[in-house]
Amino acid sequence: MKKIIKTPKAPAPIGPYNQAVLIKDTLYISGQIPIDPATGELVEGDIQKETRQSMENLKAILEEAGMTFEHVIKSSIFIKDMNQFALINEVYGSYFDEATAPARETVEVANLPKFVNVEISMIAVK
């Protein structure tokens, strides 16, 4: 019933999970952190670059499932420092049409995998 979505254009999972799972027309994408899939290295030092890499990883997974950001109905953003919200939001917002943007929450957390500054997950529907 579920189909595992994998692409080399996004980072390989760093634990016992998959990049995404498709059930019927709904795609559940695991949280993406700013790892460059070509090098396996973290993109660091600039929250906007980190956010862009996370979004590009999500884009690659969406494309592998035959979807785009227009299909996203819900996203969750986890950030290490709420003071960076505006910078993160600027990059995140550039991937969506404001009129059809998904529902979302943004949560400040103490730590994230590999101690990154941002992680983003999404749910999309065909």
N, C-alpha and C. Protein backbone atom coordinates (compact mmCIF):
# COMPACT_ATOMS: atom_id res chain seq x y z
N MET A 1 0.80 -1.19 0.00
CA MET A 1 0.00 0.00 0.00
C MET A 1 0.85 1.26 0.00
N LYS A 2 1.99 1.23 0.66
CA LYS A 2 2.83 2.41 0.65
C LYS A 2 4.00 2.23 -0.31
N LYS A 3 4.38 3.33 -0.93
CA LYS A 3 5.50 3.31 -1.87
C LYS A 3 6.60 4.19 -1.28
N ILE A 4 7.79 3.67 -1.22
CA ILE A 4 8.94 4.42 -0.71
C ILE A 4 9.50 5.26 -1.86
N ILE A 5 9.69 6.54 -1.59
CA ILE A 5 10.25 7.47 -2.57
C ILE A 5 11.70 7.73 -2.20
N LYS A 6 12.59 7.50 -3.17
CA LYS A 6 14.03 7.72 -2.96
C LYS A 6 14.61 8.40 -4.19
N THR A 7 15.51 9.32 -3.96
CA THR A 7 16.22 9.95 -5.07
C THR A 7 17.65 10.29 -4.63
N PRO A 8 18.61 10.10 -5.51
CA PRO A 8 19.99 10.50 -5.18
C PRO A 8 20.16 12.02 -5.24
N LYS A 9 19.12 12.73 -5.68
CA LYS A 9 19.18 14.20 -5.76
C LYS A 9 18.87 14.86 -4.42
N ALA A 10 18.60 14.04 -3.41
CA ALA A 10 18.40 14.50 -2.03
C ALA A 10 19.28 13.62 -1.14
N PRO A 11 19.64 14.12 0.04
CA PRO A 11 20.51 13.34 0.92
C PRO A 11 19.90 12.01 1.33
N ALA A 12 20.75 11.02 1.44
CA ALA A 12 20.31 9.72 1.96
C ALA A 12 19.93 9.89 3.43
N PRO A 13 18.96 9.14 3.91
CA PRO A 13 18.60 9.22 5.32
C PRO A 13 19.79 8.92 6.23
N ILE A 14 19.80 9.56 7.39
CA ILE A 14 20.87 9.35 8.35
C ILE A 14 20.39 8.51 9.53
N GLY A 15 19.33 7.77 9.31
CA GLY A 15 18.77 6.90 10.34
C GLY A 15 17.79 5.92 9.72
N PRO A 16 17.03 5.21 10.54
CA PRO A 16 16.10 4.20 10.05
C PRO A 16 14.77 4.82 9.56
N TYR A 17 14.85 5.56 8.46
CA TYR A 17 13.66 6.16 7.86
C TYR A 17 13.93 6.34 6.37
N ASN A 18 12.92 6.74 5.62
CA ASN A 18 13.05 6.99 4.18
C ASN A 18 12.87 8.46 3.89
N GLN A 19 13.32 8.88 2.71
CA GLN A 19 13.15 10.28 2.31
C GLN A 19 11.67 10.65 2.29
N ALA A 20 10.84 9.74 1.76
CA ALA A 20 9.41 10.02 1.70
C ALA A 20 8.64 8.71 1.53
N VAL A 21 7.37 8.78 1.89
CA VAL A 21 6.46 7.65 1.73
C VAL A 21 5.20 8.17 1.04
N LEU A 22 4.82 7.49 -0.04
CA LEU A 22 3.61 7.84 -0.78
C LEU A 22 2.53 6.82 -0.45
N ILE A 23 1.40 7.29 0.04
CA ILE A 23 0.24 6.43 0.31
C ILE A 23 -0.92 7.01 -0.48
N LYS A 24 -1.38 6.24 -1.45
CA LYS A 24 -2.39 6.70 -2.40
C LYS A 24 -1.89 7.98 -3.05
N ASP A 25 -2.56 9.10 -2.82
CA ASP A 25 -2.16 10.37 -3.44
C ASP A 25 -1.44 11.30 -2.47
N THR A 26 -1.11 10.81 -1.27
CA THR A 26 -0.50 11.66 -0.25
C THR A 26 0.96 11.28 -0.04
N LEU A 27 1.81 12.30 -0.12
CA LEU A 27 3.25 12.13 0.06
C LEU A 27 3.68 12.72 1.39
N TYR A 28 4.33 11.93 2.20
CA TYR A 28 4.85 12.36 3.50
C TYR A 28 6.37 12.44 3.36
N ILE A 29 6.91 13.65 3.42
CA ILE A 29 8.36 13.83 3.24
C ILE A 29 9.02 14.03 4.60
N SER A 30 10.05 13.23 4.85
CA SER A 30 10.81 13.37 6.08
C SER A 30 11.50 14.72 6.15
N GLY A 31 11.80 15.15 7.35
CA GLY A 31 12.49 16.42 7.53
C GLY A 31 13.80 16.45 6.77
N GLN A 32 14.01 17.54 6.05
CA GLN A 32 15.24 17.71 5.28
C GLN A 32 16.10 18.79 5.92
N ILE A 33 17.35 18.44 6.09
CA ILE A 33 18.32 19.38 6.64
C ILE A 33 19.26 19.79 5.51
N PRO A 34 20.08 20.81 5.74
CA PRO A 34 20.91 21.34 4.65
C PRO A 34 22.15 20.51 4.33
N ILE A 35 21.92 19.31 3.84
CA ILE A 35 23.01 18.47 3.37
C ILE A 35 23.01 18.53 1.85
N ASP A 36 24.17 18.80 1.27
CA ASP A 36 24.32 18.80 -0.18
C ASP A 36 24.39 17.34 -0.62
N PRO A 37 23.42 16.86 -1.40
CA PRO A 37 23.42 15.44 -1.77
C PRO A 37 24.60 15.06 -2.66
N ALA A 38 25.19 16.02 -3.36
CA ALA A 38 26.32 15.72 -4.25
C ALA A 38 27.58 15.41 -3.46
N THR A 39 27.74 16.07 -2.31
CA THR A 39 28.96 15.91 -1.51
C THR A 39 28.73 15.17 -0.19
N GLY A 40 27.49 15.18 0.27
CA GLY A 40 27.20 14.60 1.58
C GLY A 40 27.59 15.52 2.72
N GLU A 41 28.02 16.73 2.38
CA GLU A 41 28.47 17.69 3.39
C GLU A 41 27.36 18.66 3.77
N LEU A 42 27.41 19.15 4.99
CA LEU A 42 26.46 20.16 5.44
C LEU A 42 26.76 21.50 4.78
N VAL A 43 25.72 22.22 4.42
CA VAL A 43 25.84 23.61 3.99
C VAL A 43 25.72 24.42 5.27
N GLU A 44 26.74 25.19 5.60
CA GLU A 44 26.76 25.89 6.89
C GLU A 44 27.14 27.35 6.74
N GLY A 45 26.88 28.11 7.80
CA GLY A 45 27.40 29.46 7.89
C GLY A 45 26.45 30.57 7.51
N ASP A 46 25.38 30.27 6.80
CA ASP A 46 24.43 31.29 6.37
C ASP A 46 23.05 30.65 6.38
N ILE A 47 22.16 31.14 7.23
CA ILE A 47 20.86 30.51 7.41
C ILE A 47 20.05 30.49 6.11
N GLN A 48 20.23 31.48 5.26
CA GLN A 48 19.50 31.48 4.00
C GLN A 48 20.02 30.39 3.06
N LYS A 49 21.32 30.18 3.02
CA LYS A 49 21.88 29.09 2.21
C LYS A 49 21.43 27.74 2.76
N GLU A 50 21.40 27.62 4.09
CA GLU A 50 20.97 26.38 4.72
C GLU A 50 19.50 26.09 4.40
N THR A 51 18.68 27.13 4.48
CA THR A 51 17.25 26.97 4.17
C THR A 51 17.07 26.61 2.70
N ARG A 52 17.80 27.27 1.82
CA ARG A 52 17.69 26.99 0.38
C ARG A 52 18.07 25.53 0.09
N GLN A 53 19.12 25.03 0.73
CA GLN A 53 19.52 23.63 0.50
C GLN A 53 18.44 22.68 1.00
N SER A 54 17.86 22.97 2.14
CA SER A 54 16.77 22.13 2.66
C SER A 54 15.60 22.13 1.69
N MET A 55 15.27 23.29 1.15
CA MET A 55 14.16 23.40 0.19
C MET A 55 14.48 22.69 -1.12
N GLU A 56 15.72 22.78 -1.57
CA GLU A 56 16.12 22.07 -2.80
C GLU A 56 16.06 20.56 -2.60
N ASN A 57 16.38 20.10 -1.41
CA ASN A 57 16.27 18.67 -1.11
C ASN A 57 14.80 18.24 -1.16
N LEU A 58 13.92 19.07 -0.60
CA LEU A 58 12.49 18.79 -0.65
C LEU A 58 11.98 18.80 -2.09
N LYS A 59 12.44 19.76 -2.87
CA LYS A 59 12.05 19.86 -4.27
C LYS A 59 12.42 18.58 -5.04
N ALA A 60 13.61 18.07 -4.80
CA ALA A 60 14.06 16.85 -5.48
C ALA A 60 13.17 15.66 -5.12
N ILE A 61 12.77 15.57 -3.88
CA ILE A 61 11.90 14.47 -3.44
C ILE A 61 10.51 14.63 -4.05
N LEU A 62 9.98 15.85 -4.04
CA LEU A 62 8.69 16.10 -4.68
C LEU A 62 8.73 15.69 -6.15
N GLU A 63 9.78 16.10 -6.85
CA GLU A 63 9.91 15.78 -8.27
C GLU A 63 9.98 14.27 -8.50
N GLU A 64 10.69 13.56 -7.63
CA GLU A 64 10.79 12.10 -7.76
C GLU A 64 9.40 11.46 -7.65
N ALA A 65 8.53 12.09 -6.88
CA ALA A 65 7.16 11.58 -6.70
C ALA A 65 6.20 12.15 -7.75
N GLY A 66 6.72 12.94 -8.70
CA GLY A 66 5.87 13.53 -9.73
C GLY A 66 5.06 14.72 -9.24
N MET A 67 5.60 15.44 -8.27
CA MET A 67 4.89 16.58 -7.69
C MET A 67 5.77 17.83 -7.72
N THR A 68 5.17 18.95 -7.34
CA THR A 68 5.87 20.22 -7.20
C THR A 68 5.45 20.85 -5.87
N PHE A 69 5.98 22.02 -5.59
CA PHE A 69 5.58 22.73 -4.36
C PHE A 69 4.10 23.12 -4.39
N GLU A 70 3.50 23.17 -5.56
CA GLU A 70 2.06 23.46 -5.66
C GLU A 70 1.22 22.36 -5.01
N HIS A 71 1.79 21.15 -4.89
CA HIS A 71 1.07 20.03 -4.29
C HIS A 71 1.17 20.01 -2.77
N VAL A 72 2.04 20.82 -2.20
CA VAL A 72 2.27 20.80 -0.75
C VAL A 72 1.08 21.42 -0.02
N ILE A 73 0.55 20.67 0.95
CA ILE A 73 -0.58 21.16 1.73
C ILE A 73 -0.19 21.52 3.17
N LYS A 74 0.94 21.01 3.62
CA LYS A 74 1.36 21.25 5.02
C LYS A 74 2.87 21.16 5.11
N SER A 75 3.46 22.09 5.82
CA SER A 75 4.90 21.99 6.08
C SER A 75 5.16 22.33 7.54
N SER A 76 6.26 21.80 8.02
CA SER A 76 6.71 22.06 9.39
C SER A 76 8.16 22.52 9.31
N ILE A 77 8.44 23.62 9.97
CA ILE A 77 9.80 24.15 10.00
C ILE A 77 10.28 24.13 11.44
N PHE A 78 11.42 23.52 11.64
CA PHE A 78 12.05 23.47 12.95
C PHE A 78 13.33 24.29 12.87
N ILE A 79 13.45 25.28 13.75
CA ILE A 79 14.62 26.15 13.70
C ILE A 79 15.27 26.24 15.08
N LYS A 80 16.56 26.46 15.04
CA LYS A 80 17.33 26.54 16.29
C LYS A 80 17.22 27.91 16.95
N ASP A 81 16.95 28.95 16.14
CA ASP A 81 16.93 30.31 16.67
C ASP A 81 15.80 31.10 16.02
N MET A 82 14.76 31.39 16.78
CA MET A 82 13.61 32.12 16.25
C MET A 82 13.99 33.51 15.74
N ASN A 83 15.12 34.03 16.15
CA ASN A 83 15.58 35.32 15.65
C ASN A 83 15.92 35.25 14.15
N GLN A 84 16.07 34.05 13.61
CA GLN A 84 16.37 33.87 12.19
C GLN A 84 15.11 33.62 11.36
N PHE A 85 13.96 33.71 12.01
CA PHE A 85 12.68 33.41 11.34
C PHE A 85 12.50 34.21 10.05
N ALA A 86 12.73 35.50 10.07
CA ALA A 86 12.50 36.35 8.89
C ALA A 86 13.39 35.92 7.73
N LEU A 87 14.64 35.60 8.00
CA LEU A 87 15.57 35.17 6.94
C LEU A 87 15.15 33.82 6.36
N ILE A 88 14.75 32.92 7.21
CA ILE A 88 14.28 31.60 6.77
C ILE A 88 13.00 31.77 5.96
N ASN A 89 12.09 32.57 6.46
CA ASN A 89 10.81 32.78 5.81
C ASN A 89 10.96 33.39 4.42
N GLU A 90 11.94 34.26 4.26
CA GLU A 90 12.20 34.89 2.97
C GLU A 90 12.54 33.84 1.91
N VAL A 91 13.43 32.92 2.26
CA VAL A 91 13.82 31.86 1.32
C VAL A 91 12.66 30.89 1.13
N TYR A 92 12.07 30.42 2.21
CA TYR A 92 10.95 29.47 2.15
C TYR A 92 9.84 30.03 1.25
N GLY A 93 9.48 31.28 1.47
CA GLY A 93 8.39 31.90 0.73
C GLY A 93 8.64 32.00 -0.77
N SER A 94 9.91 32.04 -1.17
CA SER A 94 10.24 32.16 -2.59
C SER A 94 9.89 30.89 -3.38
N TYR A 95 9.61 29.80 -2.69
CA TYR A 95 9.27 28.54 -3.35
C TYR A 95 7.76 28.36 -3.55
N PHE A 96 6.96 29.29 -3.00
CA PHE A 96 5.51 29.16 -3.06
C PHE A 96 4.86 30.40 -3.62
N ASP A 97 3.68 30.19 -4.21
CA ASP A 97 2.80 31.29 -4.58
C ASP A 97 2.03 31.62 -3.30
N GLU A 98 2.12 32.85 -2.85
CA GLU A 98 1.51 33.22 -1.58
C GLU A 98 0.02 32.88 -1.51
N ALA A 99 -0.69 33.00 -2.63
CA ALA A 99 -2.13 32.75 -2.64
C ALA A 99 -2.47 31.28 -2.41
N THR A 100 -1.54 30.37 -2.73
CA THR A 100 -1.82 28.94 -2.58
C THR A 100 -0.81 28.24 -1.66
N ALA A 101 -0.11 29.03 -0.86
CA ALA A 101 0.88 28.46 0.06
C ALA A 101 0.22 27.48 1.03
N PRO A 102 0.98 26.47 1.50
CA PRO A 102 0.41 25.47 2.40
C PRO A 102 0.22 25.99 3.82
N ALA A 103 -0.48 25.20 4.62
CA ALA A 103 -0.53 25.45 6.05
C ALA A 103 0.86 25.15 6.60
N ARG A 104 1.20 25.77 7.75
CA ARG A 104 2.55 25.60 8.26
C ARG A 104 2.63 25.97 9.74
N GLU A 105 3.59 25.34 10.41
CA GLU A 105 4.00 25.82 11.72
C GLU A 105 5.50 25.94 11.73
N THR A 106 5.99 26.85 12.55
CA THR A 106 7.43 27.02 12.72
C THR A 106 7.71 26.93 14.21
N VAL A 107 8.63 26.06 14.57
CA VAL A 107 8.89 25.78 15.98
C VAL A 107 10.38 25.94 16.26
N GLU A 108 10.69 26.65 17.33
CA GLU A 108 12.09 26.74 17.77
C GLU A 108 12.38 25.52 18.64
N VAL A 109 13.52 24.88 18.37
CA VAL A 109 13.91 23.68 19.11
C VAL A 109 15.32 23.85 19.68
N ALA A 110 15.66 23.02 20.65
CA ALA A 110 16.98 23.11 21.27
C ALA A 110 18.09 22.62 20.34
N ASN A 111 17.83 21.51 19.65
CA ASN A 111 18.82 20.94 18.73
C ASN A 111 18.12 20.18 17.62
N LEU A 112 18.85 19.99 16.54
CA LEU A 112 18.37 19.24 15.38
C LEU A 112 19.45 18.24 14.98
N PRO A 113 19.11 17.27 14.11
CA PRO A 113 20.13 16.31 13.68
C PRO A 113 21.37 17.02 13.12
N LYS A 114 22.53 16.49 13.46
CA LYS A 114 23.82 17.05 13.04
C LYS A 114 24.00 18.50 13.51
N PHE A 115 23.16 18.92 14.47
CA PHE A 115 23.22 20.25 15.06
C PHE A 115 23.05 21.37 14.03
N VAL A 116 22.21 21.10 12.99
CA VAL A 116 21.93 22.11 11.97
C VAL A 116 21.01 23.18 12.55
N ASN A 117 20.80 24.24 11.78
CA ASN A 117 19.97 25.36 12.23
C ASN A 117 18.54 25.30 11.74
N VAL A 118 18.26 24.45 10.74
CA VAL A 118 16.91 24.38 10.17
C VAL A 118 16.63 22.97 9.64
N GLU A 119 15.39 22.52 9.82
CA GLU A 119 14.90 21.27 9.25
C GLU A 119 13.46 21.51 8.81
N ILE A 120 13.11 21.03 7.62
CA ILE A 120 11.78 21.25 7.08
C ILE A 120 11.19 19.94 6.58
N SER A 121 9.96 19.66 6.96
CA SER A 121 9.24 18.48 6.45
C SER A 121 7.96 18.96 5.76
N MET A 122 7.40 18.09 4.92
CA MET A 122 6.21 18.47 4.16
C MET A 122 5.29 17.29 3.94
N ILE A 123 4.02 17.65 3.68
CA ILE A 123 3.01 16.70 3.23
C ILE A 123 2.45 17.29 1.94
N ALA A 124 2.36 16.45 0.90
CA ALA A 124 1.84 16.91 -0.39
C ALA A 124 0.79 15.94 -0.88
N VAL A 125 -0.14 16.44 -1.69
CA VAL A 125 -1.23 15.62 -2.23
C VAL A 125 -1.34 15.90 -3.74
N LYS A 126 -1.46 14.80 -4.51
CA LYS A 126 -1.66 14.94 -5.97
C LYS A 126 -3.07 15.38 -6.26
